[in-house]
């Protein structure tokens, strides 16, 4: 997968910059697909999977959790079961 800014056609490296929230959700959905459903990951493992997609892995990981694409509990991360793509508007 290309870097997040490339997917959005942006020159910036911050995934929260798109003025269209729908684009941000689509990109976060695509990034969540890097995690295998049903598999548990440590923070280090999640970071290693998303590191090539965006330089600020902490912000990206936080957004994945905040938007419900990834769940976190007791230091473990996993892809949310309802990691369906956002509806196109």
PDB file of N, CA and C in Angstrom:
ATOM      1  N   UNK A   1       0.849  -1.175   0.000  1.00  0.00           N
ATOM      2  CA  UNK A   1       0.000   0.000   0.000  1.00  0.00           C
ATOM      3  C   UNK A   1       0.897   1.241   0.000  1.00  0.00           C
ATOM      4  N   UNK A   2       0.587   2.234  -0.825  1.00  0.00           N
ATOM      5  CA  UNK A   2       1.385   3.468  -0.830  1.00  0.00           C
ATOM      6  C   UNK A   2       1.208   4.232   0.472  1.00  0.00           C
ATOM      7  N   UNK A   3       2.083   5.180   0.697  1.00  0.00           N
ATOM      8  CA  UNK A   3       1.987   6.010   1.897  1.00  0.00           C
ATOM      9  C   UNK A   3       0.647   6.736   1.916  1.00  0.00           C
ATOM     10  N   UNK A   4       0.177   7.052   3.101  1.00  0.00           N
ATOM     11  CA  UNK A   4      -1.125   7.694   3.272  1.00  0.00           C
ATOM     12  C   UNK A   4      -1.277   8.947   2.422  1.00  0.00           C
ATOM     13  N   UNK A   5      -0.315   9.868   2.409  1.00  0.00           N
ATOM     14  CA  UNK A   5      -0.494  11.074   1.591  1.00  0.00           C
ATOM     15  C   UNK A   5      -0.658  10.749   0.115  1.00  0.00           C
ATOM     16  N   UNK A   6       0.027   9.711  -0.357  1.00  0.00           N
ATOM     17  CA  UNK A   6      -0.086   9.331  -1.760  1.00  0.00           C
ATOM     18  C   UNK A   6      -1.493   8.849  -2.077  1.00  0.00           C
ATOM     19  N   UNK A   7      -2.060   8.061  -1.195  1.00  0.00           N
ATOM     20  CA  UNK A   7      -3.420   7.562  -1.393  1.00  0.00           C
ATOM     21  C   UNK A   7      -4.403   8.718  -1.493  1.00  0.00           C
ATOM     22  N   UNK A   8      -4.184   9.748  -0.693  1.00  0.00           N
ATOM     23  CA  UNK A   8      -5.090  10.888  -0.683  1.00  0.00           C
ATOM     24  C   UNK A   8      -4.746  11.935  -1.734  1.00  0.00           C
ATOM     25  N   UNK A   9      -3.629  11.759  -2.428  1.00  0.00           N
ATOM     26  CA  UNK A   9      -3.193  12.768  -3.387  1.00  0.00           C
ATOM     27  C   UNK A   9      -2.764  14.037  -2.694  1.00  0.00           C
ATOM     28  N   UNK A  10      -2.171  13.906  -1.512  1.00  0.00           N
ATOM     29  CA  UNK A  10      -1.794  15.045  -0.691  1.00  0.00           C
ATOM     30  C   UNK A  10      -0.279  15.164  -0.617  1.00  0.00           C
ATOM     31  N   UNK A  11       0.188  16.362  -0.317  1.00  0.00           N
ATOM     32  CA  UNK A  11       1.616  16.546  -0.109  1.00  0.00           C
ATOM     33  C   UNK A  11       1.966  16.487   1.371  1.00  0.00           C
ATOM     34  N   UNK A  12       0.980  16.502   2.238  1.00  0.00           N
ATOM     35  CA  UNK A  12       1.214  16.486   3.676  1.00  0.00           C
ATOM     36  C   UNK A  12       1.393  15.055   4.172  1.00  0.00           C
ATOM     37  N   UNK A  13       1.864  14.905   5.399  1.00  0.00           N
ATOM     38  CA  UNK A  13       2.041  13.568   5.945  1.00  0.00           C
ATOM     39  C   UNK A  13       1.117  13.313   7.130  1.00  0.00           C
ATOM     40  N   UNK A  14       0.105  14.134   7.305  1.00  0.00           N
ATOM     41  CA  UNK A  14      -0.810  13.964   8.428  1.00  0.00           C
ATOM     42  C   UNK A  14      -2.164  13.463   7.941  1.00  0.00           C
ATOM     43  N   UNK A  15      -2.594  12.258   8.372  1.00  0.00           N
ATOM     44  CA  UNK A  15      -3.855  11.728   7.876  1.00  0.00           C
ATOM     45  C   UNK A  15      -5.080  12.479   8.354  1.00  0.00           C
ATOM     46  N   UNK A  16      -4.924  13.367   9.334  1.00  0.00           N
ATOM     47  CA  UNK A  16      -6.078  14.136   9.809  1.00  0.00           C
ATOM     48  C   UNK A  16      -6.286  15.393   8.991  1.00  0.00           C
ATOM     49  N   UNK A  17      -5.433  15.677   8.018  1.00  0.00           N
ATOM     50  CA  UNK A  17      -5.526  16.895   7.236  1.00  0.00           C
ATOM     51  C   UNK A  17      -6.638  16.932   6.196  1.00  0.00           C
ATOM     52  N   UNK A  18      -7.095  15.793   5.669  1.00  0.00           N
ATOM     53  CA  UNK A  18      -8.112  15.905   4.622  1.00  0.00           C
ATOM     54  C   UNK A  18      -9.322  16.678   5.114  1.00  0.00           C
ATOM     55  N   UNK A  19      -9.785  17.576   4.282  1.00  0.00           N
ATOM     56  CA  UNK A  19     -10.948  18.361   4.657  1.00  0.00           C
ATOM     57  C   UNK A  19     -12.208  17.520   4.558  1.00  0.00           C
ATOM     58  N   UNK A  20     -12.147  16.403   3.855  1.00  0.00           N
ATOM     59  CA  UNK A  20     -13.294  15.513   3.742  1.00  0.00           C
ATOM     60  C   UNK A  20     -13.098  14.335   4.690  1.00  0.00           C
ATOM     61  N   UNK A  21     -13.871  14.296   5.783  1.00  0.00           N
ATOM     62  CA  UNK A  21     -13.726  13.201   6.745  1.00  0.00           C
ATOM     63  C   UNK A  21     -13.901  11.831   6.099  1.00  0.00           C
ATOM     64  N   UNK A  22     -14.713  11.745   5.061  1.00  0.00           N
ATOM     65  CA  UNK A  22     -14.958  10.471   4.382  1.00  0.00           C
ATOM     66  C   UNK A  22     -13.652   9.907   3.822  1.00  0.00           C
ATOM     67  N   UNK A  23     -12.805  10.771   3.264  1.00  0.00           N
ATOM     68  CA  UNK A  23     -11.517  10.303   2.730  1.00  0.00           C
ATOM     69  C   UNK A  23     -10.649   9.737   3.839  1.00  0.00           C
ATOM     70  N   UNK A  24     -10.650  10.415   4.974  1.00  0.00           N
ATOM     71  CA  UNK A  24      -9.849   9.948   6.100  1.00  0.00           C
ATOM     72  C   UNK A  24     -10.341   8.582   6.562  1.00  0.00           C
ATOM     73  N   UNK A  25     -11.658   8.396   6.628  1.00  0.00           N
ATOM     74  CA  UNK A  25     -12.209   7.114   7.050  1.00  0.00           C
ATOM     75  C   UNK A  25     -11.891   6.004   6.058  1.00  0.00           C
ATOM     76  N   UNK A  26     -11.925   6.313   4.785  1.00  0.00           N
ATOM     77  CA  UNK A  26     -11.592   5.310   3.766  1.00  0.00           C
ATOM     78  C   UNK A  26     -10.139   4.885   3.914  1.00  0.00           C
ATOM     79  N   UNK A  27      -9.252   5.847   4.122  1.00  0.00           N
ATOM     80  CA  UNK A  27      -7.834   5.531   4.288  1.00  0.00           C
ATOM     81  C   UNK A  27      -7.614   4.717   5.562  1.00  0.00           C
ATOM     82  N   UNK A  28      -8.266   5.094   6.650  1.00  0.00           N
ATOM     83  CA  UNK A  28      -8.122   4.330   7.892  1.00  0.00           C
ATOM     84  C   UNK A  28      -8.641   2.906   7.722  1.00  0.00           C
ATOM     85  N   UNK A  29      -9.722   2.747   6.988  1.00  0.00           N
ATOM     86  CA  UNK A  29     -10.244   1.402   6.707  1.00  0.00           C
ATOM     87  C   UNK A  29      -9.197   0.581   5.952  1.00  0.00           C
ATOM     88  N   UNK A  30      -8.588   1.171   4.949  1.00  0.00           N
ATOM     89  CA  UNK A  30      -7.565   0.453   4.169  1.00  0.00           C
ATOM     90  C   UNK A  30      -6.379   0.071   5.050  1.00  0.00           C
ATOM     91  N   UNK A  31      -5.995   0.958   5.930  1.00  0.00           N
ATOM     92  CA  UNK A  31      -4.873   0.676   6.827  1.00  0.00           C
ATOM     93  C   UNK A  31      -5.236  -0.449   7.799  1.00  0.00           C
ATOM     94  N   UNK A  32      -6.466  -0.460   8.280  1.00  0.00           N
ATOM     95  CA  UNK A  32      -6.902  -1.519   9.205  1.00  0.00           C
ATOM     96  C   UNK A  32      -6.815  -2.894   8.562  1.00  0.00           C
ATOM     97  N   UNK A  33      -6.893  -2.941   7.242  1.00  0.00           N
ATOM     98  CA  UNK A  33      -6.817  -4.217   6.537  1.00  0.00           C
ATOM     99  C   UNK A  33      -5.422  -4.840   6.629  1.00  0.00           C
ATOM    100  N   UNK A  34      -4.450  -4.076   7.122  1.00  0.00           N
ATOM    101  CA  UNK A  34      -3.108  -4.611   7.342  1.00  0.00           C
ATOM    102  C   UNK A  34      -3.086  -5.587   8.523  1.00  0.00           C
ATOM    103  N   UNK A  35      -4.142  -5.572   9.343  1.00  0.00           N
ATOM    104  CA  UNK A  35      -4.241  -6.473  10.492  1.00  0.00           C
ATOM    105  C   UNK A  35      -5.175  -7.627  10.140  1.00  0.00           C
ATOM    106  N   UNK A  36      -4.791  -8.818  10.526  1.00  0.00           N
ATOM    107  CA  UNK A  36      -5.581 -10.010  10.237  1.00  0.00           C
ATOM    108  C   UNK A  36      -6.718 -10.143  11.247  1.00  0.00           C
ATOM    109  N   UNK A  37      -7.952 -10.334  10.772  1.00  0.00           N
ATOM    110  CA  UNK A  37      -9.075 -10.501  11.701  1.00  0.00           C
ATOM    111  C   UNK A  37      -8.828 -11.676  12.647  1.00  0.00           C
ATOM    112  N   UNK A  38      -9.156 -11.472  13.921  1.00  0.00           N
ATOM    113  CA  UNK A  38      -9.015 -12.521  14.912  1.00  0.00           C
ATOM    114  C   UNK A  38      -7.632 -12.659  15.517  1.00  0.00           C
ATOM    115  N   UNK A  39      -6.659 -11.970  14.962  1.00  0.00           N
ATOM    116  CA  UNK A  39      -5.298 -12.051  15.489  1.00  0.00           C
ATOM    117  C   UNK A  39      -5.057 -10.885  16.455  1.00  0.00           C
ATOM    118  N   UNK A  40      -4.358 -11.162  17.549  1.00  0.00           N
ATOM    119  CA  UNK A  40      -4.012 -10.134  18.541  1.00  0.00           C
ATOM    120  C   UNK A  40      -2.595  -9.650  18.277  1.00  0.00           C
ATOM    121  N   UNK A  41      -2.361  -8.373  18.498  1.00  0.00           N
ATOM    122  CA  UNK A  41      -1.064  -7.755  18.234  1.00  0.00           C
ATOM    123  C   UNK A  41      -0.627  -6.925  19.429  1.00  0.00           C
ATOM    124  N   UNK A  42       0.672  -6.847  19.636  1.00  0.00           N
ATOM    125  CA  UNK A  42       1.216  -5.895  20.599  1.00  0.00           C
ATOM    126  C   UNK A  42       1.311  -4.538  19.907  1.00  0.00           C
ATOM    127  N   UNK A  43       1.554  -3.501  20.685  1.00  0.00           N
ATOM    128  CA  UNK A  43       1.714  -2.173  20.091  1.00  0.00           C
ATOM    129  C   UNK A  43       2.886  -2.162  19.112  1.00  0.00           C
ATOM    130  N   UNK A  44       3.960  -2.827  19.470  1.00  0.00           N
ATOM    131  CA  UNK A  44       5.142  -2.883  18.599  1.00  0.00           C
ATOM    132  C   UNK A  44       4.790  -3.547  17.266  1.00  0.00           C
ATOM    133  N   UNK A  45       3.989  -4.604  17.310  1.00  0.00           N
ATOM    134  CA  UNK A  45       3.601  -5.298  16.078  1.00  0.00           C
ATOM    135  C   UNK A  45       2.700  -4.430  15.203  1.00  0.00           C
ATOM    136  N   UNK A  46       1.767  -3.708  15.825  1.00  0.00           N
ATOM    137  CA  UNK A  46       0.908  -2.806  15.057  1.00  0.00           C
ATOM    138  C   UNK A  46       1.765  -1.720  14.420  1.00  0.00           C
ATOM    139  N   UNK A  47       2.654  -1.130  15.212  1.00  0.00           N
ATOM    140  CA  UNK A  47       3.526  -0.076  14.697  1.00  0.00           C
ATOM    141  C   UNK A  47       4.353  -0.563  13.513  1.00  0.00           C
ATOM    142  N   UNK A  48       4.867  -1.778  13.597  1.00  0.00           N
ATOM    143  CA  UNK A  48       5.706  -2.282  12.497  1.00  0.00           C
ATOM    144  C   UNK A  48       4.884  -2.481  11.231  1.00  0.00           C
ATOM    145  N   UNK A  49       3.612  -2.803  11.356  1.00  0.00           N
ATOM    146  CA  UNK A  49       2.760  -2.997  10.183  1.00  0.00           C
ATOM    147  C   UNK A  49       2.361  -1.685   9.532  1.00  0.00           C
ATOM    148  N   UNK A  50       2.256  -0.612  10.299  1.00  0.00           N
ATOM    149  CA  UNK A  50       1.801   0.660   9.727  1.00  0.00           C
ATOM    150  C   UNK A  50       2.926   1.675   9.534  1.00  0.00           C
ATOM    151  N   UNK A  51       4.117   1.359  10.004  1.00  0.00           N
ATOM    152  CA  UNK A  51       5.235   2.314   9.945  1.00  0.00           C
ATOM    153  C   UNK A  51       5.518   2.827   8.531  1.00  0.00           C
ATOM    154  N   UNK A  52       5.446   1.986   7.544  1.00  0.00           N
ATOM    155  CA  UNK A  52       5.731   2.416   6.173  1.00  0.00           C
ATOM    156  C   UNK A  52       4.627   3.241   5.540  1.00  0.00           C
ATOM    157  N   UNK A  53       3.489   3.327   6.212  1.00  0.00           N
ATOM    158  CA  UNK A  53       2.351   4.050   5.656  1.00  0.00           C
ATOM    159  C   UNK A  53       2.274   5.495   6.113  1.00  0.00           C
ATOM    160  N   UNK A  54       2.864   5.764   7.278  1.00  0.00           N
ATOM    161  CA  UNK A  54       2.801   7.112   7.830  1.00  0.00           C
ATOM    162  C   UNK A  54       3.898   7.277   8.869  1.00  0.00           C
ATOM    163  N   UNK A  55       4.591   8.411   8.880  1.00  0.00           N
ATOM    164  CA  UNK A  55       5.706   8.575   9.812  1.00  0.00           C
ATOM    165  C   UNK A  55       5.290   8.681  11.286  1.00  0.00           C
ATOM    166  N   UNK A  56       4.086   9.154  11.573  1.00  0.00           N
ATOM    167  CA  UNK A  56       3.638   9.299  12.955  1.00  0.00           C
ATOM    168  C   UNK A  56       2.739   8.114  13.302  1.00  0.00           C
ATOM    169  N   UNK A  57       3.359   6.984  13.619  1.00  0.00           N
ATOM    170  CA  UNK A  57       2.599   5.754  13.856  1.00  0.00           C
ATOM    171  C   UNK A  57       1.695   5.871  15.086  1.00  0.00           C
ATOM    172  N   UNK A  58       2.111   6.638  16.094  1.00  0.00           N
ATOM    173  CA  UNK A  58       1.286   6.789  17.294  1.00  0.00           C
ATOM    174  C   UNK A  58      -0.037   7.488  16.960  1.00  0.00           C
ATOM    175  N   UNK A  59       0.028   8.547  16.186  1.00  0.00           N
ATOM    176  CA  UNK A  59      -1.193   9.267  15.802  1.00  0.00           C
ATOM    177  C   UNK A  59      -2.079   8.390  14.924  1.00  0.00           C
ATOM    178  N   UNK A  60      -1.476   7.676  14.017  1.00  0.00           N
ATOM    179  CA  UNK A  60      -2.235   6.812  13.127  1.00  0.00           C
ATOM    180  C   UNK A  60      -2.896   5.668  13.909  1.00  0.00           C
ATOM    181  N   UNK A  61      -2.156   5.065  14.809  1.00  0.00           N
ATOM    182  CA  UNK A  61      -2.691   3.977  15.640  1.00  0.00           C
ATOM    183  C   UNK A  61      -3.854   4.494  16.494  1.00  0.00           C
ATOM    184  N   UNK A  62      -3.696   5.680  17.053  1.00  0.00           N
ATOM    185  CA  UNK A  62      -4.743   6.301  17.872  1.00  0.00           C
ATOM    186  C   UNK A  62      -6.011   6.548  17.042  1.00  0.00           C
ATOM    187  N   UNK A  63      -5.833   7.038  15.821  1.00  0.00           N
ATOM    188  CA  UNK A  63      -6.985   7.283  14.955  1.00  0.00           C
ATOM    189  C   UNK A  63      -7.695   5.987  14.589  1.00  0.00           C
ATOM    190  N   UNK A  64      -6.933   4.926  14.358  1.00  0.00           N
ATOM    191  CA  UNK A  64      -7.547   3.627  14.056  1.00  0.00           C
ATOM    192  C   UNK A  64      -8.427   3.169  15.218  1.00  0.00           C
ATOM    193  N   UNK A  65      -7.961   3.380  16.437  1.00  0.00           N
ATOM    194  CA  UNK A  65      -8.733   3.003  17.622  1.00  0.00           C
ATOM    195  C   UNK A  65      -9.916   3.958  17.803  1.00  0.00           C
ATOM    196  N   UNK A  66      -9.664   5.252  17.716  1.00  0.00           N
ATOM    197  CA  UNK A  66     -10.716   6.249  17.943  1.00  0.00           C
ATOM    198  C   UNK A  66     -11.874   6.107  16.956  1.00  0.00           C
ATOM    199  N   UNK A  67     -11.579   5.735  15.728  1.00  0.00           N
ATOM    200  CA  UNK A  67     -12.619   5.602  14.703  1.00  0.00           C
ATOM    201  C   UNK A  67     -13.250   4.204  14.681  1.00  0.00           C
ATOM    202  N   UNK A  68     -12.780   3.316  15.556  1.00  0.00           N
ATOM    203  CA  UNK A  68     -13.405   2.006  15.681  1.00  0.00           C
ATOM    204  C   UNK A  68     -12.936   0.939  14.714  1.00  0.00           C
ATOM    205  N   UNK A  69     -11.863   1.199  13.990  1.00  0.00           N
ATOM    206  CA  UNK A  69     -11.336   0.191  13.057  1.00  0.00           C
ATOM    207  C   UNK A  69     -10.473  -0.840  13.771  1.00  0.00           C
ATOM    208  N   UNK A  70      -9.873  -0.423  14.885  1.00  0.00           N
ATOM    209  CA  UNK A  70      -9.019  -1.300  15.687  1.00  0.00           C
ATOM    210  C   UNK A  70      -9.454  -1.144  17.142  1.00  0.00           C
ATOM    211  N   UNK A  71      -9.451  -2.250  17.863  1.00  0.00           N
ATOM    212  CA  UNK A  71      -9.776  -2.199  19.286  1.00  0.00           C
ATOM    213  C   UNK A  71      -8.518  -2.451  20.094  1.00  0.00           C
ATOM    214  N   UNK A  72      -8.540  -1.936  21.342  1.00  0.00           N
ATOM    215  CA  UNK A  72      -7.365  -2.054  22.204  1.00  0.00           C
ATOM    216  C   UNK A  72      -7.830  -2.362  23.619  1.00  0.00           C
ATOM    217  N   UNK A  73      -7.132  -3.297  24.241  1.00  0.00           N
ATOM    218  CA  UNK A  73      -7.417  -3.602  25.643  1.00  0.00           C
ATOM    219  C   UNK A  73      -6.199  -4.295  26.238  1.00  0.00           C
ATOM    220  N   UNK A  74      -5.793  -3.870  27.419  1.00  0.00           N
ATOM    221  CA  UNK A  74      -4.694  -4.492  28.165  1.00  0.00           C
ATOM    222  C   UNK A  74      -3.437  -4.672  27.309  1.00  0.00           C
ATOM    223  N   UNK A  75      -3.119  -3.664  26.517  1.00  0.00           N
ATOM    224  CA  UNK A  75      -1.892  -3.708  25.719  1.00  0.00           C
ATOM    225  C   UNK A  75      -1.980  -4.538  24.456  1.00  0.00           C
ATOM    226  N   UNK A  76      -3.177  -5.043  24.140  1.00  0.00           N
ATOM    227  CA  UNK A  76      -3.358  -5.816  22.913  1.00  0.00           C
ATOM    228  C   UNK A  76      -4.243  -5.042  21.943  1.00  0.00           C
ATOM    229  N   UNK A  77      -3.960  -5.224  20.664  1.00  0.00           N
ATOM    230  CA  UNK A  77      -4.726  -4.580  19.598  1.00  0.00           C
ATOM    231  C   UNK A  77      -5.249  -5.656  18.670  1.00  0.00           C
ATOM    232  N   UNK A  78      -6.432  -5.419  18.096  1.00  0.00           N
ATOM    233  CA  UNK A  78      -6.967  -6.326  17.086  1.00  0.00           C
ATOM    234  C   UNK A  78      -7.912  -5.545  16.190  1.00  0.00           C
ATOM    235  N   UNK A  79      -8.064  -6.059  14.966  1.00  0.00           N
ATOM    236  CA  UNK A  79      -8.957  -5.417  14.015  1.00  0.00           C
ATOM    237  C   UNK A  79     -10.394  -5.620  14.478  1.00  0.00           C
ATOM    238  N   UNK A  80     -11.162  -4.546  14.462  1.00  0.00           N
ATOM    239  CA  UNK A  80     -12.556  -4.620  14.885  1.00  0.00           C
ATOM    240  C   UNK A  80     -13.335  -5.492  13.908  1.00  0.00           C
ATOM    241  N   UNK A  81     -14.277  -6.247  14.426  1.00  0.00           N
ATOM    242  CA  UNK A  81     -15.084  -7.122  13.579  1.00  0.00           C
ATOM    243  C   UNK A  81     -15.882  -6.351  12.545  1.00  0.00           C
ATOM    244  N   UNK A  82     -16.286  -5.150  12.897  1.00  0.00           N
ATOM    245  CA  UNK A  82     -17.096  -4.370  11.965  1.00  0.00           C
ATOM    246  C   UNK A  82     -16.219  -3.416  11.154  1.00  0.00           C
ATOM    247  N   UNK A  83     -15.056  -3.888  10.738  1.00  0.00           N
ATOM    248  CA  UNK A  83     -14.134  -3.043   9.972  1.00  0.00           C
ATOM    249  C   UNK A  83     -14.556  -2.972   8.514  1.00  0.00           C
ATOM    250  N   UNK A  84     -15.838  -2.678   8.306  1.00  0.00           N
ATOM    251  CA  UNK A  84     -16.372  -2.551   6.954  1.00  0.00           C
ATOM    252  C   UNK A  84     -16.028  -1.175   6.388  1.00  0.00           C
ATOM    253  N   UNK A  85     -15.890  -1.081   5.087  1.00  0.00           N
ATOM    254  CA  UNK A  85     -15.570   0.224   4.502  1.00  0.00           C
ATOM    255  C   UNK A  85     -16.699   1.229   4.731  1.00  0.00           C
ATOM    256  N   UNK A  86     -16.359   2.497   4.903  1.00  0.00           N
ATOM    257  CA  UNK A  86     -17.379   3.525   5.075  1.00  0.00           C
ATOM    258  C   UNK A  86     -18.255   3.599   3.817  1.00  0.00           C
ATOM    259  N   UNK A  87     -19.501   3.939   4.004  1.00  0.00           N
ATOM    260  CA  UNK A  87     -20.428   4.081   2.877  1.00  0.00           C
ATOM    261  C   UNK A  87     -20.053   5.317   2.077  1.00  0.00           C
ATOM    262  N   UNK A  88     -20.078   5.187   0.761  1.00  0.00           N
ATOM    263  CA  UNK A  88     -19.798   6.332  -0.115  1.00  0.00           C
ATOM    264  C   UNK A  88     -20.997   7.283  -0.054  1.00  0.00           C
ATOM    265  N   UNK A  89     -20.692   8.565  -0.084  1.00  0.00           N
ATOM    266  CA  UNK A  89     -21.797   9.532  -0.049  1.00  0.00           C
ATOM    267  C   UNK A  89     -22.025  10.120  -1.405  1.00  0.00           C
TER     268      UNK A  89
END
